Amino acid sequence: MSNISANLKYLRKKNGLTQQQFADNMEIKRSLIGAYEEDRAEPKYDLLKKIAEYFELTIDEFINEKINDNWKPKPKSQGSNLRVLSISVDKDDNENIELVPVKASAGYLNGFSDPQYIQELPRFQLPIPSLKQGTYRAFEIKGDSMLPIQSGSIIIGEYLENWNDIKIGDTYVIISKNEGVVYKRAGNKFKEDRELKLISDNKVYDPYAIPAEDILEIWKAKAYFSTALPDPTPEPTIETLSTMMAQMQKSISQLNKN
């Protein structure tokens, strides 16, 4: 994020704003503006987004471009939801697949656009030709909402730049401010002014929706690996039968309401 301080100072002055005036617009203390412009601190994601929108920039432009009198914005494609993407490469300049384990999920919400944070994640590559084209990241999932894929499995996702490419029924790793890192099926096509419906494969869990403005990144699931080998289909137990009955009762009740 080495360009943030210089870009912020340049844009503020170009718009004829004092540090206090801009701080008032951002609803923060003036001392924070000074710290950001002197590169003594870095704004968190929500503030970065607010600053970029104020100057009519994408976050990617605000962070990665050197904005000055000679700078010209790149043409923006229609329907593209551009997000900051940090990657790491090996000694031959090949992209790594960074692993986000469960214990690192909370930190990922703040560090997903920070190259230093990404460099500190475990990294690997796979000798699979179909995973050579594109940018991939791996996420460890937890819980039983996506059975039969077991908790602790690693989902390898391809970075989805244009969220309009979401397909109903396909699985995605969704990074959002309120839900964190989740692995779900898409229940509807994405539109910027709508919510994204997420569906669990385990029918015990109800579908739910998250607002578009809460979404930080979307990764389309391409593969997974797990240390839990599949067991033969077990005989139904009292617990599984009870769960099935509860789900049936819930479905019947919903039909009656309709």
C-alpha atoms as a PDB file:
ATOM      1  CA  MET A   1       0.000   0.000   0.000  1.00  0.00           C
ATOM      2  CA  SER A   2       2.935   2.315  -0.603  1.00  0.00           C
ATOM      3  CA  ASN A   3       0.925   4.642  -2.879  1.00  0.00           C
ATOM      4  CA  ILE A   4      -1.833   5.449  -0.400  1.00  0.00           C
ATOM      5  CA  SER A   5      -0.063   8.265   1.433  1.00  0.00           C
ATOM      6  CA  ALA A   6       1.068  10.101  -1.710  1.00  0.00           C
ATOM      7  CA  ASN A   7      -2.232   9.576  -3.523  1.00  0.00           C
ATOM      8  CA  LEU A   8      -4.302  10.787  -0.592  1.00  0.00           C
ATOM      9  CA  LYS A   9      -2.215  13.929  -0.159  1.00  0.00           C
ATOM     10  CA  TYR A  10      -2.292  14.699  -3.899  1.00  0.00           C
ATOM     11  CA  LEU A  11      -6.040  14.149  -4.278  1.00  0.00           C
ATOM     12  CA  ARG A  12      -6.913  16.132  -1.158  1.00  0.00           C
ATOM     13  CA  LYS A  13      -4.901  19.144  -2.278  1.00  0.00           C
ATOM     14  CA  LYS A  14      -6.165  18.895  -5.871  1.00  0.00           C
ATOM     15  CA  ASN A  15      -9.702  19.136  -4.524  1.00  0.00           C
ATOM     16  CA  GLY A  16      -8.774  22.188  -2.459  1.00  0.00           C
ATOM     17  CA  LEU A  17      -9.375  20.543   0.915  1.00  0.00           C
ATOM     18  CA  THR A  18      -7.514  21.033   4.156  1.00  0.00           C
ATOM     19  CA  GLN A  19      -6.822  17.985   6.292  1.00  0.00           C
ATOM     20  CA  GLN A  20      -9.571  19.083   8.677  1.00  0.00           C
ATOM     21  CA  GLN A  21     -12.108  19.546   5.874  1.00  0.00           C
ATOM     22  CA  PHE A  22     -11.376  16.135   4.418  1.00  0.00           C
ATOM     23  CA  ALA A  23     -11.442  14.533   7.879  1.00  0.00           C
ATOM     24  CA  ASP A  24     -14.878  16.067   8.428  1.00  0.00           C
ATOM     25  CA  ASN A  25     -16.059  14.614   5.120  1.00  0.00           C
ATOM     26  CA  MET A  26     -14.787  11.190   6.141  1.00  0.00           C
ATOM     27  CA  GLU A  27     -16.152  11.605   9.700  1.00  0.00           C
ATOM     28  CA  ILE A  28     -12.778  10.849  11.298  1.00  0.00           C
ATOM     29  CA  LYS A  29     -10.178  12.793  13.281  1.00  0.00           C
ATOM     30  CA  ARG A  30      -7.827  15.179  11.454  1.00  0.00           C
ATOM     31  CA  SER A  31      -4.844  13.464  13.083  1.00  0.00           C
ATOM     32  CA  LEU A  32      -5.692  10.272  11.184  1.00  0.00           C
ATOM     33  CA  ILE A  33      -5.471  12.077   7.843  1.00  0.00           C
ATOM     34  CA  GLY A  34      -2.029  13.324   8.850  1.00  0.00           C
ATOM     35  CA  ALA A  35      -0.956   9.818   9.834  1.00  0.00           C
ATOM     36  CA  TYR A  36      -2.161   8.372   6.520  1.00  0.00           C
ATOM     37  CA  GLU A  37      -0.473  11.066   4.433  1.00  0.00           C
ATOM     38  CA  GLU A  38       2.807  10.676   6.334  1.00  0.00           C
ATOM     39  CA  ASP A  39       2.624   6.862   5.911  1.00  0.00           C
ATOM     40  CA  ARG A  40       2.532   6.304   9.684  1.00  0.00           C
ATOM     41  CA  ALA A  41      -0.724   4.327   9.485  1.00  0.00           C
ATOM     42  CA  GLU A  42      -2.958   2.678   6.894  1.00  0.00           C
ATOM     43  CA  PRO A  43      -6.743   3.045   6.577  1.00  0.00           C
ATOM     44  CA  LYS A  44      -8.813  -0.079   7.092  1.00  0.00           C
ATOM     45  CA  TYR A  45     -10.904  -1.488   4.251  1.00  0.00           C
ATOM     46  CA  ASP A  46     -14.150   0.373   4.997  1.00  0.00           C
ATOM     47  CA  LEU A  47     -12.355   3.721   5.087  1.00  0.00           C
ATOM     48  CA  LEU A  48     -10.311   2.894   1.975  1.00  0.00           C
ATOM     49  CA  LYS A  49     -13.529   2.202   0.121  1.00  0.00           C
ATOM     50  CA  LYS A  50     -15.076   5.436   1.359  1.00  0.00           C
ATOM     51  CA  ILE A  51     -12.020   7.499   0.339  1.00  0.00           C
ATOM     52  CA  ALA A  52     -11.852   5.873  -3.120  1.00  0.00           C
ATOM     53  CA  GLU A  53     -15.554   6.479  -3.731  1.00  0.00           C
ATOM     54  CA  TYR A  54     -15.184  10.109  -2.613  1.00  0.00           C
ATOM     55  CA  PHE A  55     -12.568  10.694  -5.329  1.00  0.00           C
ATOM     56  CA  GLU A  56     -14.533   8.548  -7.835  1.00  0.00           C
ATOM     57  CA  LEU A  57     -11.843   5.861  -8.008  1.00  0.00           C
ATOM     58  CA  THR A  58     -11.771   2.113  -7.563  1.00  0.00           C
ATOM     59  CA  ILE A  59      -9.889   0.836  -4.532  1.00  0.00           C
ATOM     60  CA  ASP A  60      -7.451  -0.818  -6.938  1.00  0.00           C
ATOM     61  CA  GLU A  61      -6.638   2.542  -8.556  1.00  0.00           C
ATOM     62  CA  PHE A  62      -6.299   4.330  -5.224  1.00  0.00           C
ATOM     63  CA  ILE A  63      -3.908   1.712  -3.815  1.00  0.00           C
ATOM     64  CA  ASN A  64      -1.900   0.513  -6.804  1.00  0.00           C
ATOM     65  CA  GLU A  65      -1.713   3.498  -9.177  1.00  0.00           C
ATOM     66  CA  LYS A  66       0.600   6.494  -8.734  1.00  0.00           C
ATOM     67  CA  ILE A  67      -1.898   9.301  -9.116  1.00  0.00           C
ATOM     68  CA  ASN A  68      -0.498  12.669 -10.214  1.00  0.00           C
ATOM     69  CA  ASP A  69      -1.031  15.320 -12.896  1.00  0.00           C
ATOM     70  CA  ASN A  70       0.010  12.870 -15.626  1.00  0.00           C
ATOM     71  CA  TRP A  71      -2.177  10.000 -14.456  1.00  0.00           C
ATOM     72  CA  LYS A  72      -5.208   8.948 -16.497  1.00  0.00           C
ATOM     73  CA  PRO A  73      -7.810   6.456 -15.273  1.00  0.00           C
ATOM     74  CA  LYS A  74      -8.163   3.210 -17.193  1.00  0.00           C
ATOM     75  CA  PRO A  75     -11.441   2.603 -19.039  1.00  0.00           C
ATOM     76  CA  LYS A  76     -13.849   0.688 -16.818  1.00  0.00           C
ATOM     77  CA  SER A  77     -15.698  -2.240 -18.353  1.00  0.00           C
ATOM     78  CA  GLN A  78     -19.452  -2.371 -17.831  1.00  0.00           C
ATOM     79  CA  GLY A  79     -20.637  -4.795 -15.157  1.00  0.00           C
ATOM     80  CA  SER A  80     -17.175  -5.464 -13.768  1.00  0.00           C
ATOM     81  CA  ASN A  81     -16.800  -5.531  -9.991  1.00  0.00           C
ATOM     82  CA  LEU A  82     -13.109  -4.772  -9.633  1.00  0.00           C
ATOM     83  CA  ARG A  83     -11.597  -5.624  -6.275  1.00  0.00           C
ATOM     84  CA  VAL A  84      -8.070  -5.418  -4.922  1.00  0.00           C
ATOM     85  CA  LEU A  85      -6.226  -8.709  -5.404  1.00  0.00           C
ATOM     86  CA  SER A  86      -2.863  -9.466  -3.841  1.00  0.00           C
ATOM     87  CA  ILE A  87      -0.958 -12.533  -5.039  1.00  0.00           C
ATOM     88  CA  SER A  88       2.460 -14.056  -4.477  1.00  0.00           C
ATOM     89  CA  VAL A  89       4.800 -15.683  -6.996  1.00  0.00           C
ATOM     90  CA  ASP A  90       7.660 -18.167  -6.872  1.00  0.00           C
ATOM     91  CA  LYS A  91      11.250 -17.617  -8.052  1.00  0.00           C
ATOM     92  CA  ASP A  92      10.157 -18.282 -11.661  1.00  0.00           C
ATOM     93  CA  ASP A  93       7.389 -15.662 -11.437  1.00  0.00           C
ATOM     94  CA  ASN A  94       4.636 -18.292 -11.390  1.00  0.00           C
ATOM     95  CA  GLU A  95       1.619 -17.506  -9.245  1.00  0.00           C
ATOM     96  CA  ASN A  96       1.349 -19.425  -5.983  1.00  0.00           C
ATOM     97  CA  ILE A  97      -1.868 -20.723  -4.484  1.00  0.00           C
ATOM     98  CA  GLU A  98      -2.114 -19.111  -1.045  1.00  0.00           C
ATOM     99  CA  LEU A  99      -3.828 -21.115   1.696  1.00  0.00           C
ATOM    100  CA  VAL A 100      -6.173 -19.390   4.147  1.00  0.00           C
ATOM    101  CA  PRO A 101      -6.568 -21.821   7.069  1.00  0.00           C
ATOM    102  CA  VAL A 102      -9.509 -21.526   9.458  1.00  0.00           C
ATOM    103  CA  LYS A 103      -7.373 -19.856  12.118  1.00  0.00           C
ATOM    104  CA  ALA A 104      -6.366 -17.146   9.612  1.00  0.00           C
ATOM    105  CA  SER A 105      -9.893 -16.440   8.328  1.00  0.00           C
ATOM    106  CA  ALA A 106     -10.575 -13.517  10.661  1.00  0.00           C
ATOM    107  CA  GLY A 107      -7.296 -11.820   9.739  1.00  0.00           C
ATOM    108  CA  TYR A 108      -8.001 -12.359   6.044  1.00  0.00           C
ATOM    109  CA  LEU A 109     -10.892  -9.867   6.170  1.00  0.00           C
ATOM    110  CA  ASN A 110      -8.435  -7.072   6.941  1.00  0.00           C
ATOM    111  CA  GLY A 111      -5.407  -8.420   5.082  1.00  0.00           C
ATOM    112  CA  PHE A 112      -6.809  -9.758   1.799  1.00  0.00           C
ATOM    113  CA  SER A 113      -5.567  -6.671  -0.084  1.00  0.00           C
ATOM    114  CA  ASP A 114      -2.260  -6.366   1.792  1.00  0.00           C
ATOM    115  CA  PRO A 115       0.665  -7.915  -0.136  1.00  0.00           C
ATOM    116  CA  GLN A 116       2.640  -8.401   3.081  1.00  0.00           C
ATOM    117  CA  TYR A 117      -0.201 -10.363   4.681  1.00  0.00           C
ATOM    118  CA  ILE A 118      -0.604 -12.527   1.560  1.00  0.00           C
ATOM    119  CA  GLN A 119       3.142 -13.239   1.499  1.00  0.00           C
ATOM    120  CA  GLU A 120       2.891 -14.611   5.046  1.00  0.00           C
ATOM    121  CA  LEU A 121       0.213 -17.178   4.141  1.00  0.00           C
ATOM    122  CA  PRO A 122       1.275 -20.777   3.372  1.00  0.00           C
ATOM    123  CA  ARG A 123       1.822 -21.195  -0.371  1.00  0.00           C
ATOM    124  CA  PHE A 124       1.829 -24.139  -2.757  1.00  0.00           C
ATOM    125  CA  GLN A 125       1.369 -25.126  -6.406  1.00  0.00           C
ATOM    126  CA  LEU A 126      -0.407 -28.090  -7.976  1.00  0.00           C
ATOM    127  CA  PRO A 127       0.713 -29.990 -11.115  1.00  0.00           C
ATOM    128  CA  ILE A 128      -2.773 -29.757 -12.607  1.00  0.00           C
ATOM    129  CA  PRO A 129      -2.924 -28.126 -16.081  1.00  0.00           C
ATOM    130  CA  SER A 130      -6.484 -26.862 -15.575  1.00  0.00           C
ATOM    131  CA  LEU A 131      -5.325 -24.848 -12.559  1.00  0.00           C
ATOM    132  CA  LYS A 132      -2.542 -23.054 -14.403  1.00  0.00           C
ATOM    133  CA  GLN A 133      -4.694 -20.434 -16.126  1.00  0.00           C
ATOM    134  CA  GLY A 134      -6.186 -17.963 -13.676  1.00  0.00           C
ATOM    135  CA  THR A 135      -5.528 -16.826 -10.130  1.00  0.00           C
ATOM    136  CA  TYR A 136      -6.335 -19.283  -7.356  1.00  0.00           C
ATOM    137  CA  ARG A 137      -6.522 -19.269  -3.573  1.00  0.00           C
ATOM    138  CA  ALA A 138      -7.293 -22.104  -1.155  1.00  0.00           C
ATOM    139  CA  PHE A 139      -9.617 -21.835   1.837  1.00  0.00           C
ATOM    140  CA  GLU A 140     -10.063 -24.278   4.696  1.00  0.00           C
ATOM    141  CA  ILE A 141     -13.741 -24.699   5.555  1.00  0.00           C
ATOM    142  CA  LYS A 142     -15.319 -25.633   8.857  1.00  0.00           C
ATOM    143  CA  GLY A 143     -18.704 -26.936   9.918  1.00  0.00           C
ATOM    144  CA  ASP A 144     -21.128 -29.385   8.305  1.00  0.00           C
ATOM    145  CA  SER A 145     -23.206 -27.011   6.181  1.00  0.00           C
ATOM    146  CA  MET A 146     -21.746 -28.361   2.922  1.00  0.00           C
ATOM    147  CA  LEU A 147     -21.793 -32.099   3.580  1.00  0.00           C
ATOM    148  CA  PRO A 148     -20.681 -34.483   2.166  1.00  0.00           C
ATOM    149  CA  ILE A 149     -17.605 -32.223   1.930  1.00  0.00           C
ATOM    150  CA  GLN A 150     -16.181 -32.547   5.417  1.00  0.00           C
ATOM    151  CA  SER A 151     -15.156 -29.818   7.826  1.00  0.00           C
ATOM    152  CA  GLY A 152     -11.427 -29.179   7.448  1.00  0.00           C
ATOM    153  CA  SER A 153     -11.467 -29.732   3.676  1.00  0.00           C
ATOM    154  CA  ILE A 154      -9.563 -27.298   1.460  1.00  0.00           C
ATOM    155  CA  ILE A 155     -11.538 -25.567  -1.293  1.00  0.00           C
ATOM    156  CA  ILE A 156      -9.473 -24.212  -4.194  1.00  0.00           C
ATOM    157  CA  GLY A 157     -11.176 -21.202  -5.738  1.00  0.00           C
ATOM    158  CA  GLU A 158     -10.505 -19.163  -8.872  1.00  0.00           C
ATOM    159  CA  TYR A 159     -10.730 -15.402  -8.406  1.00  0.00           C
ATOM    160  CA  LEU A 160     -13.969 -14.079  -9.874  1.00  0.00           C
ATOM    161  CA  GLU A 161     -13.439 -10.537 -11.100  1.00  0.00           C
ATOM    162  CA  ASN A 162     -16.836 -10.025 -12.710  1.00  0.00           C
ATOM    163  CA  TRP A 163     -19.534 -10.969 -10.220  1.00  0.00           C
ATOM    164  CA  ASN A 164     -22.127 -10.947 -12.992  1.00  0.00           C
ATOM    165  CA  ASP A 165     -20.584 -14.276 -14.054  1.00  0.00           C
ATOM    166  CA  ILE A 166     -22.038 -16.010 -10.986  1.00  0.00           C
ATOM    167  CA  LYS A 167     -24.127 -19.045 -12.014  1.00  0.00           C
ATOM    168  CA  ILE A 168     -27.068 -20.326 -10.017  1.00  0.00           C
ATOM    169  CA  GLY A 169     -26.238 -23.664  -8.397  1.00  0.00           C
ATOM    170  CA  ASP A 170     -22.443 -23.353  -8.665  1.00  0.00           C
ATOM    171  CA  THR A 171     -20.367 -23.241  -5.489  1.00  0.00           C
ATOM    172  CA  TYR A 172     -18.281 -20.260  -4.389  1.00  0.00           C
ATOM    173  CA  VAL A 173     -16.131 -19.084  -1.521  1.00  0.00           C
ATOM    174  CA  ILE A 174     -17.663 -15.778  -0.465  1.00  0.00           C
ATOM    175  CA  ILE A 175     -15.641 -13.273   1.572  1.00  0.00           C
ATOM    176  CA  SER A 176     -17.893 -10.744   3.302  1.00  0.00           C
ATOM    177  CA  LYS A 177     -17.564  -8.247   6.124  1.00  0.00           C
ATOM    178  CA  ASN A 178     -20.255  -9.814   8.312  1.00  0.00           C
ATOM    179  CA  GLU A 179     -20.112 -13.517   7.421  1.00  0.00           C
ATOM    180  CA  GLY A 180     -16.344 -13.848   6.988  1.00  0.00           C
ATOM    181  CA  VAL A 181     -15.250 -16.784   4.805  1.00  0.00           C
ATOM    182  CA  VAL A 182     -18.083 -19.120   3.757  1.00  0.00           C
ATOM    183  CA  TYR A 183     -18.445 -21.832   1.128  1.00  0.00           C
ATOM    184  CA  LYS A 184     -21.953 -21.996  -0.396  1.00  0.00           C
ATOM    185  CA  ARG A 185     -23.986 -22.439  -3.546  1.00  0.00           C
ATOM    186  CA  ALA A 186     -25.317 -19.376  -5.345  1.00  0.00           C
ATOM    187  CA  GLY A 187     -29.095 -19.134  -5.217  1.00  0.00           C
ATOM    188  CA  ASN A 188     -29.530 -16.251  -7.643  1.00  0.00           C
ATOM    189  CA  LYS A 189     -27.760 -14.226 -10.308  1.00  0.00           C
ATOM    190  CA  PHE A 190     -25.787 -11.320  -8.913  1.00  0.00           C
ATOM    191  CA  LYS A 191     -26.959  -7.730  -9.304  1.00  0.00           C
ATOM    192  CA  GLU A 192     -25.197  -4.817  -7.635  1.00  0.00           C
ATOM    193  CA  ASP A 193     -28.387  -3.462  -6.087  1.00  0.00           C
ATOM    194  CA  ARG A 194     -29.540  -6.795  -4.694  1.00  0.00           C
ATOM    195  CA  GLU A 195     -28.586  -9.429  -2.172  1.00  0.00           C
ATOM    196  CA  LEU A 196     -26.778 -12.649  -3.010  1.00  0.00           C
ATOM    197  CA  LYS A 197     -28.655 -15.745  -1.870  1.00  0.00           C
ATOM    198  CA  LEU A 198     -26.449 -18.489  -0.396  1.00  0.00           C
ATOM    199  CA  ILE A 199     -27.541 -22.133  -0.117  1.00  0.00           C
ATOM    200  CA  SER A 200     -26.022 -24.960   1.954  1.00  0.00           C
ATOM    201  CA  ASP A 201     -25.885 -28.517   0.600  1.00  0.00           C
ATOM    202  CA  ASN A 202     -26.884 -29.729   4.065  1.00  0.00           C
ATOM    203  CA  LYS A 203     -30.645 -29.071   3.997  1.00  0.00           C
ATOM    204  CA  VAL A 204     -30.731 -28.692   7.774  1.00  0.00           C
ATOM    205  CA  TYR A 205     -29.368 -25.185   7.148  1.00  0.00           C
ATOM    206  CA  ASP A 206     -31.740 -22.587   5.697  1.00  0.00           C
ATOM    207  CA  PRO A 207     -30.712 -20.426   2.730  1.00  0.00           C
ATOM    208  CA  TYR A 208     -29.886 -16.834   3.563  1.00  0.00           C
ATOM    209  CA  ALA A 209     -28.848 -13.680   1.739  1.00  0.00           C
ATOM    210  CA  ILE A 210     -26.065 -11.146   2.198  1.00  0.00           C
ATOM    211  CA  PRO A 211     -26.134  -7.562   0.875  1.00  0.00           C
ATOM    212  CA  ALA A 212     -23.980  -6.869  -2.161  1.00  0.00           C
ATOM    213  CA  GLU A 213     -22.193  -4.033  -0.358  1.00  0.00           C
ATOM    214  CA  ASP A 214     -20.933  -6.465   2.308  1.00  0.00           C
ATOM    215  CA  ILE A 215     -19.117  -8.691  -0.205  1.00  0.00           C
ATOM    216  CA  LEU A 216     -15.341  -8.264  -0.443  1.00  0.00           C
ATOM    217  CA  GLU A 217     -14.268 -11.109  -2.744  1.00  0.00           C
ATOM    218  CA  ILE A 218     -15.776 -14.071  -4.577  1.00  0.00           C
ATOM    219  CA  TRP A 219     -13.837 -17.199  -5.570  1.00  0.00           C
ATOM    220  CA  LYS A 220     -15.408 -19.833  -7.826  1.00  0.00           C
ATOM    221  CA  ALA A 221     -14.793 -23.330  -6.446  1.00  0.00           C
ATOM    222  CA  LYS A 222     -12.704 -25.393  -8.870  1.00  0.00           C
ATOM    223  CA  ALA A 223     -11.424 -28.302  -6.744  1.00  0.00           C
ATOM    224  CA  TYR A 224     -11.072 -29.534  -3.198  1.00  0.00           C
ATOM    225  CA  PHE A 225      -9.017 -31.976  -1.216  1.00  0.00           C
ATOM    226  CA  SER A 226      -9.631 -33.565   2.129  1.00  0.00           C
ATOM    227  CA  THR A 227      -7.946 -35.926   4.570  1.00  0.00           C
ATOM    228  CA  ALA A 228     -11.338 -37.465   5.423  1.00  0.00           C
ATOM    229  CA  LEU A 229     -11.843 -40.404   3.048  1.00  0.00           C
ATOM    230  CA  PRO A 230     -15.479 -41.287   2.249  1.00  0.00           C
ATOM    231  CA  ASP A 231     -17.107 -44.045   4.278  1.00  0.00           C
ATOM    232  CA  PRO A 232     -19.600 -46.585   2.894  1.00  0.00           C
ATOM    233  CA  THR A 233     -23.154 -45.286   3.088  1.00  0.00           C
ATOM    234  CA  PRO A 234     -24.033 -45.800   6.770  1.00  0.00           C
ATOM    235  CA  GLU A 235     -27.268 -47.214   8.095  1.00  0.00           C
ATOM    236  CA  PRO A 236     -29.603 -44.400   9.154  1.00  0.00           C
ATOM    237  CA  THR A 237     -29.420 -43.583  12.846  1.00  0.00           C
ATOM    238  CA  ILE A 238     -32.046 -42.147  15.181  1.00  0.00           C
ATOM    239  CA  GLU A 239     -30.293 -38.775  14.936  1.00  0.00           C
ATOM    240  CA  THR A 240     -30.275 -38.679  11.126  1.00  0.00           C
ATOM    241  CA  LEU A 241     -33.892 -39.879  10.923  1.00  0.00           C
ATOM    242  CA  SER A 242     -34.923 -37.184  13.421  1.00  0.00           C
ATOM    243  CA  THR A 243     -33.158 -34.543  11.357  1.00  0.00           C
ATOM    244  CA  MET A 244     -34.879 -35.744   8.184  1.00  0.00           C
ATOM    245  CA  MET A 245     -38.285 -35.700   9.889  1.00  0.00           C
ATOM    246  CA  ALA A 246     -37.699 -32.167  11.205  1.00  0.00           C
ATOM    247  CA  GLN A 247     -36.782 -30.996   7.715  1.00  0.00           C
ATOM    248  CA  MET A 248     -39.861 -32.652   6.208  1.00  0.00           C
ATOM    249  CA  GLN A 249     -42.118 -31.027   8.823  1.00  0.00           C
ATOM    250  CA  LYS A 250     -40.533 -27.685   8.114  1.00  0.00           C
ATOM    251  CA  SER A 251     -41.083 -28.088   4.361  1.00  0.00           C
ATOM    252  CA  ILE A 252     -44.722 -29.127   4.853  1.00  0.00           C
ATOM    253  CA  SER A 253     -45.314 -26.168   7.147  1.00  0.00           C
ATOM    254  CA  GLN A 254     -43.860 -23.829   4.542  1.00  0.00           C
ATOM    255  CA  LEU A 255     -46.083 -25.324   1.831  1.00  0.00           C
ATOM    256  CA  ASN A 256     -49.154 -24.815   4.020  1.00  0.00           C
ATOM    257  CA  LYS A 257     -48.236 -21.174   4.517  1.00  0.00           C
ATOM    258  CA  ASN A 258     -47.968 -20.700   0.777  1.00  0.00           C
END
